PDB file of all heavy atoms in Angstrom:
ATOM      1  N   GLU A   1       0.859  -1.178  -0.001  1.00  0.00           N
ATOM      2  CA  GLU A   1       0.001   0.000  -0.001  1.00  0.00           C
ATOM      3  C   GLU A   1       0.898   1.238   0.002  1.00  0.00           C
ATOM      4  O   GLU A   1       1.879   1.300   0.751  1.00  0.00           O
ATOM      5  CB  GLU A   1      -0.875  -0.022   1.257  1.00  0.00           C
ATOM      6  CG  GLU A   1      -1.761   1.156   1.424  1.00  0.00           C
ATOM      7  CD  GLU A   1      -2.536   1.067   2.719  1.00  0.00           C
ATOM      8  OE1 GLU A   1      -2.012   0.553   3.711  1.00  0.00           O
ATOM      9  OE2 GLU A   1      -3.690   1.525   2.708  1.00  0.00           O
ATOM     10  N   GLU A   2       0.574   2.186  -0.848  1.00  0.00           N
ATOM     11  CA  GLU A   2       1.380   3.398  -0.924  1.00  0.00           C
ATOM     12  C   GLU A   2       0.909   4.375   0.151  1.00  0.00           C
ATOM     13  O   GLU A   2      -0.270   4.684   0.241  1.00  0.00           O
ATOM     14  CB  GLU A   2       1.248   4.039  -2.306  1.00  0.00           C
ATOM     15  CG  GLU A   2       2.169   5.211  -2.512  1.00  0.00           C
ATOM     16  CD  GLU A   2       2.075   5.785  -3.917  1.00  0.00           C
ATOM     17  OE1 GLU A   2       1.162   5.404  -4.651  1.00  0.00           O
ATOM     18  OE2 GLU A   2       2.917   6.617  -4.241  1.00  0.00           O
ATOM     19  N   THR A   3       1.830   4.838   0.972  1.00  0.00           N
ATOM     20  CA  THR A   3       1.525   5.806   2.023  1.00  0.00           C
ATOM     21  C   THR A   3       2.379   7.040   1.818  1.00  0.00           C
ATOM     22  O   THR A   3       3.510   6.957   1.321  1.00  0.00           O
ATOM     23  CB  THR A   3       1.794   5.225   3.427  1.00  0.00           C
ATOM     24  OG1 THR A   3       3.159   4.828   3.504  1.00  0.00           O
ATOM     25  CG2 THR A   3       0.909   4.032   3.700  1.00  0.00           C
ATOM     26  N   ILE A   4       1.840   8.183   2.187  1.00  0.00           N
ATOM     27  CA  ILE A   4       2.540   9.457   2.077  1.00  0.00           C
ATOM     28  C   ILE A   4       3.110   9.812   3.438  1.00  0.00           C
ATOM     29  O   ILE A   4       2.389   9.870   4.438  1.00  0.00           O
ATOM     30  CB  ILE A   4       1.598  10.587   1.597  1.00  0.00           C
ATOM     31  CG1 ILE A   4       0.934  10.209   0.267  1.00  0.00           C
ATOM     32  CG2 ILE A   4       2.360  11.882   1.476  1.00  0.00           C
ATOM     33  CD1 ILE A   4       1.897  10.049  -0.880  1.00  0.00           C
ATOM     34  N   VAL A   5       4.418  10.015   3.510  1.00  0.00           N
ATOM     35  CA  VAL A   5       5.112  10.360   4.741  1.00  0.00           C
ATOM     36  C   VAL A   5       5.616  11.772   4.611  1.00  0.00           C
ATOM     37  O   VAL A   5       6.293  12.118   3.627  1.00  0.00           O
ATOM     38  CB  VAL A   5       6.277   9.390   5.015  1.00  0.00           C
ATOM     39  CG1 VAL A   5       7.011   9.780   6.270  1.00  0.00           C
ATOM     40  CG2 VAL A   5       5.776   7.963   5.100  1.00  0.00           C
ATOM     41  N   THR A   6       5.284  12.628   5.615  1.00  0.00           N
ATOM     42  CA  THR A   6       5.780  14.010   5.620  1.00  0.00           C
ATOM     43  C   THR A   6       6.933  14.092   6.595  1.00  0.00           C
ATOM     44  O   THR A   6       6.807  13.782   7.774  1.00  0.00           O
ATOM     45  CB  THR A   6       4.660  14.978   6.034  1.00  0.00           C
ATOM     46  OG1 THR A   6       3.540  14.782   5.176  1.00  0.00           O
ATOM     47  CG2 THR A   6       5.130  16.400   5.946  1.00  0.00           C
ATOM     48  N   LYS A   7       8.092  14.478   6.067  1.00  0.00           N
ATOM     49  CA  LYS A   7       9.279  14.603   6.897  1.00  0.00           C
ATOM     50  C   LYS A   7       9.979  15.905   6.546  1.00  0.00           C
ATOM     51  O   LYS A   7      10.349  16.129   5.388  1.00  0.00           O
ATOM     52  CB  LYS A   7      10.204  13.392   6.643  1.00  0.00           C
ATOM     53  CG  LYS A   7      11.394  13.327   7.571  1.00  0.00           C
ATOM     54  CD  LYS A   7      12.165  12.026   7.325  1.00  0.00           C
ATOM     55  CE  LYS A   7      13.298  11.902   8.336  1.00  0.00           C
ATOM     56  NZ  LYS A   7      14.052  10.679   8.116  1.00  0.00           N
ATOM     57  N   ASN A   8      10.137  16.778   7.543  1.00  0.00           N
ATOM     58  CA  ASN A   8      10.750  18.097   7.358  1.00  0.00           C
ATOM     59  C   ASN A   8      10.042  18.923   6.277  1.00  0.00           C
ATOM     60  O   ASN A   8      10.676  19.614   5.493  1.00  0.00           O
ATOM     61  CB  ASN A   8      12.232  17.965   7.013  1.00  0.00           C
ATOM     62  CG  ASN A   8      13.024  17.346   8.140  1.00  0.00           C
ATOM     63  OD1 ASN A   8      12.640  17.436   9.302  1.00  0.00           O
ATOM     64  ND2 ASN A   8      14.121  16.697   7.790  1.00  0.00           N
ATOM     65  N   GLY A   9       8.729  18.795   6.248  1.00  0.00           N
ATOM     66  CA  GLY A   9       7.959  19.573   5.286  1.00  0.00           C
ATOM     67  C   GLY A   9       7.942  18.995   3.885  1.00  0.00           C
ATOM     68  O   GLY A   9       7.334  19.575   2.987  1.00  0.00           O
ATOM     69  N   ARG A  10       8.605  17.896   3.683  1.00  0.00           N
ATOM     70  CA  ARG A  10       8.631  17.271   2.354  1.00  0.00           C
ATOM     71  C   ARG A  10       7.780  15.999   2.385  1.00  0.00           C
ATOM     72  O   ARG A  10       7.849  15.213   3.304  1.00  0.00           O
ATOM     73  CB  ARG A  10      10.069  16.896   1.964  1.00  0.00           C
ATOM     74  CG  ARG A  10      10.989  18.111   1.935  1.00  0.00           C
ATOM     75  CD  ARG A  10      12.378  17.736   1.562  1.00  0.00           C
ATOM     76  NE  ARG A  10      12.417  17.445   0.122  1.00  0.00           N
ATOM     77  CZ  ARG A  10      13.454  16.928  -0.484  1.00  0.00           C
ATOM     78  NH1 ARG A  10      14.531  16.582   0.201  1.00  0.00           N
ATOM     79  NH2 ARG A  10      13.431  16.706  -1.782  1.00  0.00           N
ATOM     80  N   LYS A  11       7.003  15.850   1.354  1.00  0.00           N
ATOM     81  CA  LYS A  11       6.179  14.657   1.236  1.00  0.00           C
ATOM     82  C   LYS A  11       6.933  13.585   0.446  1.00  0.00           C
ATOM     83  O   LYS A  11       7.526  13.877  -0.590  1.00  0.00           O
ATOM     84  CB  LYS A  11       4.863  14.973   0.528  1.00  0.00           C
ATOM     85  CG  LYS A  11       3.944  15.842   1.343  1.00  0.00           C
ATOM     86  CD  LYS A  11       2.642  16.045   0.633  1.00  0.00           C
ATOM     87  CE  LYS A  11       1.727  16.916   1.454  1.00  0.00           C
ATOM     88  NZ  LYS A  11       0.457  17.165   0.769  1.00  0.00           N
ATOM     89  N   LYS A  12       6.893  12.402   0.993  1.00  0.00           N
ATOM     90  CA  LYS A  12       7.580  11.298   0.337  1.00  0.00           C
ATOM     91  C   LYS A  12       6.646  10.082   0.343  1.00  0.00           C
ATOM     92  O   LYS A  12       6.026   9.779   1.353  1.00  0.00           O
ATOM     93  CB  LYS A  12       8.868  10.967   1.084  1.00  0.00           C
ATOM     94  CG  LYS A  12       9.737   9.930   0.426  1.00  0.00           C
ATOM     95  CD  LYS A  12      11.027   9.738   1.199  1.00  0.00           C
ATOM     96  CE  LYS A  12      11.901   8.703   0.530  1.00  0.00           C
ATOM     97  NZ  LYS A  12      13.122   8.456   1.261  1.00  0.00           N
ATOM     98  N   ALA A  13       6.565   9.402  -0.786  1.00  0.00           N
ATOM     99  CA  ALA A  13       5.723   8.207  -0.898  1.00  0.00           C
ATOM    100  C   ALA A  13       6.544   6.986  -0.505  1.00  0.00           C
ATOM    101  O   ALA A  13       7.667   6.817  -0.952  1.00  0.00           O
ATOM    102  CB  ALA A  13       5.184   8.075  -2.303  1.00  0.00           C
ATOM    103  N   LYS A  14       5.953   6.135   0.324  1.00  0.00           N
ATOM    104  CA  LYS A  14       6.591   4.890   0.726  1.00  0.00           C
ATOM    105  C   LYS A  14       5.603   3.759   0.510  1.00  0.00           C
ATOM    106  O   LYS A  14       4.396   3.934   0.571  1.00  0.00           O
ATOM    107  CB  LYS A  14       7.006   4.928   2.206  1.00  0.00           C
ATOM    108  CG  LYS A  14       8.215   5.742   2.488  1.00  0.00           C
ATOM    109  CD  LYS A  14       8.735   5.404   3.869  1.00  0.00           C
ATOM    110  CE  LYS A  14      10.148   5.914   4.006  1.00  0.00           C
ATOM    111  NZ  LYS A  14      10.790   5.405   5.193  1.00  0.00           N
ATOM    112  N   LEU A  15       6.150   2.559   0.324  1.00  0.00           N
ATOM    113  CA  LEU A  15       5.323   1.376   0.183  1.00  0.00           C
ATOM    114  C   LEU A  15       5.312   0.622   1.507  1.00  0.00           C
ATOM    115  O   LEU A  15       6.366   0.336   2.074  1.00  0.00           O
ATOM    116  CB  LEU A  15       5.858   0.484  -0.928  1.00  0.00           C
ATOM    117  CG  LEU A  15       5.757   1.027  -2.334  1.00  0.00           C
ATOM    118  CD1 LEU A  15       6.391   0.064  -3.311  1.00  0.00           C
ATOM    119  CD2 LEU A  15       4.324   1.308  -2.716  1.00  0.00           C
ATOM    120  N   LYS A  16       4.111   0.289   1.956  1.00  0.00           N
ATOM    121  CA  LYS A  16       3.948  -0.433   3.204  1.00  0.00           C
ATOM    122  C   LYS A  16       3.351  -1.806   2.857  1.00  0.00           C
ATOM    123  O   LYS A  16       2.357  -1.893   2.149  1.00  0.00           O
ATOM    124  CB  LYS A  16       3.003   0.329   4.137  1.00  0.00           C
ATOM    125  CG  LYS A  16       2.733  -0.344   5.435  1.00  0.00           C
ATOM    126  CD  LYS A  16       1.747   0.477   6.273  1.00  0.00           C
ATOM    127  CE  LYS A  16       1.369  -0.269   7.523  1.00  0.00           C
ATOM    128  NZ  LYS A  16       0.320   0.449   8.263  1.00  0.00           N
ATOM    129  N   ARG A  17       3.978  -2.856   3.353  1.00  0.00           N
ATOM    130  CA  ARG A  17       3.507  -4.211   3.049  1.00  0.00           C
ATOM    131  C   ARG A  17       2.249  -4.531   3.841  1.00  0.00           C
ATOM    132  O   ARG A  17       2.180  -4.309   5.045  1.00  0.00           O
ATOM    133  CB  ARG A  17       4.606  -5.219   3.360  1.00  0.00           C
ATOM    134  CG  ARG A  17       4.268  -6.613   2.924  1.00  0.00           C
ATOM    135  CD  ARG A  17       5.431  -7.526   3.089  1.00  0.00           C
ATOM    136  NE  ARG A  17       5.045  -8.876   2.701  1.00  0.00           N
ATOM    137  CZ  ARG A  17       5.793  -9.922   2.847  1.00  0.00           C
ATOM    138  NH1 ARG A  17       6.989  -9.818   3.366  1.00  0.00           N
ATOM    139  NH2 ARG A  17       5.372 -11.098   2.472  1.00  0.00           N
ATOM    140  N   ILE A  18       1.256  -5.085   3.151  1.00  0.00           N
ATOM    141  CA  ILE A  18       0.014  -5.491   3.793  1.00  0.00           C
ATOM    142  C   ILE A  18       0.113  -6.969   4.158  1.00  0.00           C
ATOM    143  O   ILE A  18       0.426  -7.793   3.303  1.00  0.00           O
ATOM    144  CB  ILE A  18      -1.183  -5.261   2.850  1.00  0.00           C
ATOM    145  CG1 ILE A  18      -1.295  -3.792   2.507  1.00  0.00           C
ATOM    146  CG2 ILE A  18      -2.464  -5.768   3.475  1.00  0.00           C
ATOM    147  CD1 ILE A  18      -2.352  -3.500   1.475  1.00  0.00           C
ATOM    148  N   GLN A  19      -0.141  -7.292   5.433  1.00  0.00           N
ATOM    149  CA  GLN A  19      -0.075  -8.679   5.887  1.00  0.00           C
ATOM    150  C   GLN A  19      -1.382  -9.137   6.521  1.00  0.00           C
ATOM    151  O   GLN A  19      -1.526 -10.311   6.867  1.00  0.00           O
ATOM    152  CB  GLN A  19       1.077  -8.855   6.875  1.00  0.00           C
ATOM    153  CG  GLN A  19       2.416  -8.614   6.240  1.00  0.00           C
ATOM    154  CD  GLN A  19       3.557  -8.808   7.222  1.00  0.00           C
ATOM    155  OE1 GLN A  19       3.362  -8.812   8.420  1.00  0.00           O
ATOM    156  NE2 GLN A  19       4.764  -8.939   6.689  1.00  0.00           N
ATOM    157  N   LYS A  20      -2.345  -8.245   6.664  1.00  0.00           N
ATOM    158  CA  LYS A  20      -3.626  -8.594   7.277  1.00  0.00           C
ATOM    159  C   LYS A  20      -4.690  -8.731   6.192  1.00  0.00           C
ATOM    160  O   LYS A  20      -4.580  -8.150   5.130  1.00  0.00           O
ATOM    161  CB  LYS A  20      -4.056  -7.520   8.290  1.00  0.00           C
ATOM    162  CG  LYS A  20      -3.122  -7.436   9.478  1.00  0.00           C
ATOM    163  CD  LYS A  20      -3.600  -6.391  10.459  1.00  0.00           C
ATOM    164  CE  LYS A  20      -2.643  -6.311  11.640  1.00  0.00           C
ATOM    165  NZ  LYS A  20      -3.066  -5.278  12.592  1.00  0.00           N
ATOM    166  N   ASN A  21      -5.733  -9.481   6.508  1.00  0.00           N
ATOM    167  CA  ASN A  21      -6.876  -9.699   5.640  1.00  0.00           C
ATOM    168  C   ASN A  21      -6.478 -10.338   4.309  1.00  0.00           C
ATOM    169  O   ASN A  21      -7.036 -10.026   3.271  1.00  0.00           O
ATOM    170  CB  ASN A  21      -7.644  -8.395   5.391  1.00  0.00           C
ATOM    171  CG  ASN A  21      -8.207  -7.820   6.651  1.00  0.00           C
ATOM    172  OD1 ASN A  21      -8.586  -8.552   7.566  1.00  0.00           O
ATOM    173  ND2 ASN A  21      -8.258  -6.503   6.725  1.00  0.00           N
ATOM    174  N   LEU A  22      -5.498 -11.235   4.336  1.00  0.00           N
ATOM    175  CA  LEU A  22      -5.116 -11.980   3.142  1.00  0.00           C
ATOM    176  C   LEU A  22      -5.566 -13.430   3.306  1.00  0.00           C
ATOM    177  O   LEU A  22      -5.446 -14.011   4.378  1.00  0.00           O
ATOM    178  CB  LEU A  22      -3.597 -11.940   2.930  1.00  0.00           C
ATOM    179  CG  LEU A  22      -2.999 -10.560   2.688  1.00  0.00           C
ATOM    180  CD1 LEU A  22      -1.482 -10.687   2.541  1.00  0.00           C
ATOM    181  CD2 LEU A  22      -3.597  -9.919   1.458  1.00  0.00           C
ATOM    182  N   THR A  23      -6.090 -13.999   2.225  1.00  0.00           N
ATOM    183  CA  THR A  23      -6.567 -15.373   2.247  1.00  0.00           C
ATOM    184  C   THR A  23      -5.705 -16.215   1.310  1.00  0.00           C
ATOM    185  O   THR A  23      -5.528 -15.849   0.149  1.00  0.00           O
ATOM    186  CB  THR A  23      -8.034 -15.429   1.741  1.00  0.00           C
ATOM    187  OG1 THR A  23      -8.810 -14.488   2.474  1.00  0.00           O
ATOM    188  CG2 THR A  23      -8.608 -16.810   1.903  1.00  0.00           C
ATOM    189  N   PRO A  24      -5.145 -17.327   1.792  1.00  0.00           N
ATOM    190  CA  PRO A  24      -4.347 -18.170   0.894  1.00  0.00           C
ATOM    191  C   PRO A  24      -5.189 -18.768  -0.215  1.00  0.00           C
ATOM    192  O   PRO A  24      -6.384 -19.038  -0.043  1.00  0.00           O
ATOM    193  CB  PRO A  24      -3.783 -19.252   1.804  1.00  0.00           C
ATOM    194  CG  PRO A  24      -4.393 -19.072   3.128  1.00  0.00           C
ATOM    195  CD  PRO A  24      -5.192 -17.829   3.144  1.00  0.00           C
ATOM    196  N   GLN A  25      -4.551 -18.990  -1.364  1.00  0.00           N
ATOM    197  CA  GLN A  25      -5.267 -19.564  -2.500  1.00  0.00           C
ATOM    198  C   GLN A  25      -5.656 -21.003  -2.241  1.00  0.00           C
ATOM    199  O   GLN A  25      -6.687 -21.449  -2.684  1.00  0.00           O
ATOM    200  CB  GLN A  25      -4.405 -19.460  -3.764  1.00  0.00           C
ATOM    201  CG  GLN A  25      -5.130 -19.915  -5.021  1.00  0.00           C
ATOM    202  CD  GLN A  25      -4.238 -19.850  -6.237  1.00  0.00           C
ATOM    203  OE1 GLN A  25      -3.039 -19.711  -6.146  1.00  0.00           O
ATOM    204  NE2 GLN A  25      -4.847 -19.965  -7.400  1.00  0.00           N
ATOM    205  N   GLY A  26      -4.826 -21.744  -1.515  1.00  0.00           N
ATOM    206  CA  GLY A  26      -5.159 -23.123  -1.164  1.00  0.00           C
ATOM    207  C   GLY A  26      -4.394 -24.128  -2.009  1.00  0.00           C
ATOM    208  O   GLY A  26      -3.320 -23.854  -2.524  1.00  0.00           O
ATOM    209  N   ILE A  27      -4.990 -25.294  -2.179  1.00  0.00           N
ATOM    210  CA  ILE A  27      -4.368 -26.387  -2.923  1.00  0.00           C
ATOM    211  C   ILE A  27      -4.678 -26.220  -4.410  1.00  0.00           C
ATOM    212  O   ILE A  27      -5.820 -26.004  -4.787  1.00  0.00           O
ATOM    213  CB  ILE A  27      -4.911 -27.759  -2.437  1.00  0.00           C
ATOM    214  CG1 ILE A  27      -4.698 -27.922  -0.929  1.00  0.00           C
ATOM    215  CG2 ILE A  27      -4.275 -28.900  -3.208  1.00  0.00           C
ATOM    216  CD1 ILE A  27      -3.265 -27.987  -0.501  1.00  0.00           C
ATOM    217  N   ILE A  28      -3.616 -26.330  -5.230  1.00  0.00           N
ATOM    218  CA  ILE A  28      -3.814 -26.222  -6.674  1.00  0.00           C
ATOM    219  C   ILE A  28      -3.344 -27.509  -7.324  1.00  0.00           C
ATOM    220  O   ILE A  28      -2.467 -28.200  -6.831  1.00  0.00           O
ATOM    221  CB  ILE A  28      -3.084 -25.005  -7.273  1.00  0.00           C
ATOM    222  CG1 ILE A  28      -1.579 -25.082  -7.009  1.00  0.00           C
ATOM    223  CG2 ILE A  28      -3.662 -23.726  -6.767  1.00  0.00           C
ATOM    224  CD1 ILE A  28      -0.784 -24.028  -7.740  1.00  0.00           C
ATOM    225  N   LYS A  29      -3.956 -27.829  -8.462  1.00  0.00           N
ATOM    226  CA  LYS A  29      -3.597 -29.033  -9.200  1.00  0.00           C
ATOM    227  C   LYS A  29      -2.451 -28.697 -10.153  1.00  0.00           C
ATOM    228  O   LYS A  29      -2.477 -27.674 -10.830  1.00  0.00           O
ATOM    229  CB  LYS A  29      -4.804 -29.535  -9.978  1.00  0.00           C
ATOM    230  CG  LYS A  29      -4.560 -30.823 -10.713  1.00  0.00           C
ATOM    231  CD  LYS A  29      -5.808 -31.299 -11.422  1.00  0.00           C
ATOM    232  CE  LYS A  29      -5.492 -32.580 -12.180  1.00  0.00           C
ATOM    233  NZ  LYS A  29      -6.615 -33.005 -12.986  1.00  0.00           N
ATOM    234  N   LEU A  30      -1.446 -29.566 -10.201  1.00  0.00           N
ATOM    235  CA  LEU A  30      -0.313 -29.365 -11.096  1.00  0.00           C
ATOM    236  C   LEU A  30      -0.683 -29.775 -12.510  1.00  0.00           C
ATOM    237  O   LEU A  30      -1.400 -30.769 -12.715  1.00  0.00           O
ATOM    238  CB  LEU A  30       0.893 -30.183 -10.631  1.00  0.00           C
ATOM    239  CG  LEU A  30       1.476 -29.801  -9.273  1.00  0.00           C
ATOM    240  CD1 LEU A  30       2.563 -30.794  -8.873  1.00  0.00           C
ATOM    241  CD2 LEU A  30       2.054 -28.406  -9.320  1.00  0.00           C
ATOM    242  N   ASP A  31      -0.190 -29.038 -13.512  1.00  0.00           N
ATOM    243  CA  ASP A  31      -0.438 -29.396 -14.909  1.00  0.00           C
ATOM    244  C   ASP A  31       0.255 -30.707 -15.263  1.00  0.00           C
ATOM    245  O   ASP A  31      -0.317 -31.576 -15.918  1.00  0.00           O
ATOM    246  CB  ASP A  31       0.041 -28.293 -15.836  1.00  0.00           C
ATOM    247  CG  ASP A  31      -0.762 -27.011 -15.669  1.00  0.00           C
ATOM    248  OD1 ASP A  31      -1.928 -27.102 -15.248  1.00  0.00           O
ATOM    249  OD2 ASP A  31      -0.207 -25.927 -15.932  1.00  0.00           O
ATOM    250  N   ASN A  32       1.514 -30.832 -14.823  1.00  0.00           N
ATOM    251  CA  ASN A  32       2.286 -32.058 -15.050  1.00  0.00           C
ATOM    252  C   ASN A  32       2.666 -32.632 -13.696  1.00  0.00           C
ATOM    253  O   ASN A  32       3.238 -31.936 -12.867  1.00  0.00           O
ATOM    254  CB  ASN A  32       3.558 -31.741 -15.829  1.00  0.00           C
ATOM    255  CG  ASN A  32       3.251 -31.129 -17.184  1.00  0.00           C
ATOM    256  OD1 ASN A  32       2.352 -31.575 -17.867  1.00  0.00           O
ATOM    257  ND2 ASN A  32       3.987 -30.097 -17.542  1.00  0.00           N
ATOM    258  N   PRO A  33       2.388 -33.925 -13.466  1.00  0.00           N
ATOM    259  CA  PRO A  33       2.749 -34.513 -12.172  1.00  0.00           C
ATOM    260  C   PRO A  33       4.268 -34.498 -11.967  1.00  0.00           C
ATOM    261  O   PRO A  33       5.033 -34.625 -12.916  1.00  0.00           O
ATOM    262  CB  PRO A  33       2.249 -35.947 -12.265  1.00  0.00           C
ATOM    263  CG  PRO A  33       1.332 -35.984 -13.427  1.00  0.00           C
ATOM    264  CD  PRO A  33       1.681 -34.873 -14.318  1.00  0.00           C
ATOM    265  N   CYS A  34       4.675 -34.327 -10.725  1.00  0.00           N
ATOM    266  CA  CYS A  34       6.105 -34.339 -10.364  1.00  0.00           C
ATOM    267  C   CYS A  34       6.388 -35.589  -9.537  1.00  0.00           C
ATOM    268  O   CYS A  34       5.481 -36.188  -8.968  1.00  0.00           O
ATOM    269  CB  CYS A  34       6.434 -33.097  -9.539  1.00  0.00           C
ATOM    270  SG  CYS A  34       6.134 -31.567 -10.389  1.00  0.00           S
ATOM    271  N   ILE A  35       7.653 -35.947  -9.459  1.00  0.00           N
ATOM    272  CA  ILE A  35       8.050 -37.071  -8.614  1.00  0.00           C
ATOM    273  C   ILE A  35       8.345 -36.549  -7.223  1.00  0.00           C
ATOM    274  O   ILE A  35       8.989 -35.516  -7.070  1.00  0.00           O
ATOM    275  CB  ILE A  35       9.280 -37.793  -9.196  1.00  0.00           C
ATOM    276  CG1 ILE A  35       8.894 -38.422 -10.523  1.00  0.00           C
ATOM    277  CG2 ILE A  35       9.804 -38.842  -8.232  1.00  0.00           C
ATOM    278  CD1 ILE A  35       9.991 -39.163 -11.203  1.00  0.00           C
ATOM    279  N   HIS A  36       7.846 -37.237  -6.201  1.00  0.00           N
ATOM    280  CA  HIS A  36       8.026 -36.810  -4.817  1.00  0.00           C
ATOM    281  C   HIS A  36       9.521 -36.803  -4.468  1.00  0.00           C
ATOM    282  O   HIS A  36      10.282 -37.665  -4.897  1.00  0.00           O
ATOM    283  CB  HIS A  36       7.271 -37.754  -3.884  1.00  0.00           C
ATOM    284  CG  HIS A  36       7.068 -37.215  -2.527  1.00  0.00           C
ATOM    285  ND1 HIS A  36       8.045 -37.261  -1.563  1.00  0.00           N
ATOM    286  CD2 HIS A  36       6.017 -36.581  -1.969  1.00  0.00           C
ATOM    287  CE1 HIS A  36       7.594 -36.692  -0.461  1.00  0.00           C
ATOM    288  NE2 HIS A  36       6.355 -36.272  -0.675  1.00  0.00           N
ATOM    289  N   VAL A  37       9.939 -35.822  -3.674  1.00  0.00           N
ATOM    290  CA  VAL A  37      11.356 -35.668  -3.355  1.00  0.00           C
ATOM    291  C   VAL A  37      11.872 -36.827  -2.499  1.00  0.00           C
ATOM    292  O   VAL A  37      13.068 -37.106  -2.511  1.00  0.00           O
ATOM    293  CB  VAL A  37      11.621 -34.336  -2.625  1.00  0.00           C
ATOM    294  CG1 VAL A  37      11.301 -33.177  -3.527  1.00  0.00           C
ATOM    295  CG2 VAL A  37      10.820 -34.240  -1.337  1.00  0.00           C
ATOM    296  N   ASP A  38      11.023 -37.525  -1.781  1.00  0.00           N
ATOM    297  CA  ASP A  38      11.453 -38.618  -0.921  1.00  0.00           C
ATOM    298  C   ASP A  38      11.426 -39.973  -1.627  1.00  0.00           C
ATOM    299  O   ASP A  38      11.670 -40.996  -0.996  1.00  0.00           O
ATOM    300  CB  ASP A  38      10.572 -38.691   0.326  1.00  0.00           C
ATOM    301  CG  ASP A  38      10.787 -37.514   1.237  1.00  0.00           C
ATOM    302  OD1 ASP A  38      11.878 -36.924   1.166  1.00  0.00           O
ATOM    303  OD2 ASP A  38       9.867 -37.167   1.997  1.00  0.00           O
ATOM    304  N   PHE A  39      11.138 -39.994  -2.913  1.00  0.00           N
ATOM    305  CA  PHE A  39      11.081 -41.261  -3.632  1.00  0.00           C
ATOM    306  C   PHE A  39      12.506 -41.746  -3.881  1.00  0.00           C
ATOM    307  O   PHE A  39      13.293 -41.081  -4.556  1.00  0.00           O
ATOM    308  CB  PHE A  39      10.331 -41.096  -4.947  1.00  0.00           C
ATOM    309  CG  PHE A  39      10.026 -42.400  -5.624  1.00  0.00           C
ATOM    310  CD1 PHE A  39       9.157 -43.300  -5.047  1.00  0.00           C
ATOM    311  CD2 PHE A  39      10.637 -42.719  -6.827  1.00  0.00           C
ATOM    312  CE1 PHE A  39       8.871 -44.490  -5.671  1.00  0.00           C
ATOM    313  CE2 PHE A  39      10.346 -43.922  -7.442  1.00  0.00           C
ATOM    314  CZ  PHE A  39       9.472 -44.809  -6.875  1.00  0.00           C
ATOM    315  N   PRO A  40      12.891 -42.896  -3.336  1.00  0.00           N
ATOM    316  CA  PRO A  40      14.305 -43.322  -3.335  1.00  0.00           C
ATOM    317  C   PRO A  40      14.745 -44.109  -4.565  1.00  0.00           C
ATOM    318  O   PRO A  40      15.343 -45.155  -4.459  1.00  0.00           O
ATOM    319  CB  PRO A  40      14.387 -44.185  -2.089  1.00  0.00           C
ATOM    320  CG  PRO A  40      13.058 -44.832  -2.050  1.00  0.00           C
ATOM    321  CD  PRO A  40      12.069 -43.786  -2.535  1.00  0.00           C
ATOM    322  N   VAL A  41      14.450 -43.620  -5.748  1.00  0.00           N
ATOM    323  CA  VAL A  41      14.853 -44.310  -6.960  1.00  0.00           C
ATOM    324  C   VAL A  41      15.603 -43.339  -7.845  1.00  0.00           C
ATOM    325  O   VAL A  41      15.211 -42.181  -7.997  1.00  0.00           O
ATOM    326  CB  VAL A  41      13.599 -44.875  -7.703  1.00  0.00           C
ATOM    327  CG1 VAL A  41      13.996 -45.440  -9.052  1.00  0.00           C
ATOM    328  CG2 VAL A  41      12.923 -45.920  -6.868  1.00  0.00           C
ATOM    329  N   ILE A  42      16.681 -43.794  -8.428  1.00  0.00           N
ATOM    330  CA  ILE A  42      17.440 -42.978  -9.352  1.00  0.00           C
ATOM    331  C   ILE A  42      16.875 -43.166 -10.735  1.00  0.00           C
ATOM    332  O   ILE A  42      16.730 -44.288 -11.228  1.00  0.00           O
ATOM    333  CB  ILE A  42      18.933 -43.347  -9.319  1.00  0.00           C
ATOM    334  CG1 ILE A  42      19.480 -43.122  -7.920  1.00  0.00           C
ATOM    335  CG2 ILE A  42      19.700 -42.582 -10.356  1.00  0.00           C
ATOM    336  CD1 ILE A  42      20.880 -43.649  -7.720  1.00  0.00           C
ATOM    337  N   LEU A  43      16.511 -42.068 -11.383  1.00  0.00           N
ATOM    338  CA  LEU A  43      15.985 -42.148 -12.737  1.00  0.00           C
ATOM    339  C   LEU A  43      17.138 -42.013 -13.723  1.00  0.00           C
ATOM    340  O   LEU A  43      17.976 -41.144 -13.591  1.00  0.00           O
ATOM    341  CB  LEU A  43      14.967 -41.031 -12.955  1.00  0.00           C
ATOM    342  CG  LEU A  43      13.769 -41.066 -12.025  1.00  0.00           C
ATOM    343  CD1 LEU A  43      12.892 -39.881 -12.274  1.00  0.00           C
ATOM    344  CD2 LEU A  43      12.990 -42.339 -12.219  1.00  0.00           C
ATOM    345  N   TRP A  44      17.126 -42.857 -14.746  1.00  0.00           N
ATOM    346  CA  TRP A  44      18.198 -42.837 -15.712  1.00  0.00           C
ATOM    347  C   TRP A  44      17.611 -43.047 -17.100  1.00  0.00           C
ATOM    348  O   TRP A  44      16.861 -43.996 -17.322  1.00  0.00           O
ATOM    349  CB  TRP A  44      19.224 -43.918 -15.392  1.00  0.00           C
ATOM    350  CG  TRP A  44      20.317 -44.037 -16.364  1.00  0.00           C
ATOM    351  CD1 TRP A  44      21.086 -43.042 -16.847  1.00  0.00           C
ATOM    352  CD2 TRP A  44      20.808 -45.231 -16.979  1.00  0.00           C
ATOM    353  NE1 TRP A  44      22.024 -43.516 -17.702  1.00  0.00           N
ATOM    354  CE2 TRP A  44      21.861 -44.884 -17.799  1.00  0.00           C
ATOM    355  CE3 TRP A  44      20.431 -46.564 -16.888  1.00  0.00           C
ATOM    356  CZ2 TRP A  44      22.571 -45.791 -18.551  1.00  0.00           C
ATOM    357  CZ3 TRP A  44      21.133 -47.471 -17.634  1.00  0.00           C
ATOM    358  CH2 TRP A  44      22.175 -47.094 -18.446  1.00  0.00           C
ATOM    359  N   GLU A  45      17.973 -42.174 -17.982  1.00  0.00           N
ATOM    360  CA  GLU A  45      17.506 -42.294 -19.354  1.00  0.00           C
ATOM    361  C   GLU A  45      18.672 -42.691 -20.226  1.00  0.00           C
ATOM    362  O   GLU A  45      19.715 -42.050 -20.230  1.00  0.00           O
ATOM    363  CB  GLU A  45      16.938 -40.956 -19.809  1.00  0.00           C
ATOM    364  CG  GLU A  45      16.388 -40.981 -21.204  1.00  0.00           C
ATOM    365  CD  GLU A  45      15.790 -39.645 -21.608  1.00  0.00           C
ATOM    366  OE1 GLU A  45      15.388 -38.895 -20.721  1.00  0.00           O
ATOM    367  OE2 GLU A  45      15.829 -39.354 -22.808  1.00  0.00           O
TER     368      GLU A  45
END
């Protein structure tokens, strides 16, 4: 969020990070399946 800060009579715009009222997107489906990182097999082509 852009906020205006007045310092010594001068106005300066600053960006303030918003961390409240945010909702996570949740679980999304992958377009291409991936191999799990804990799968103990070496792939070789």
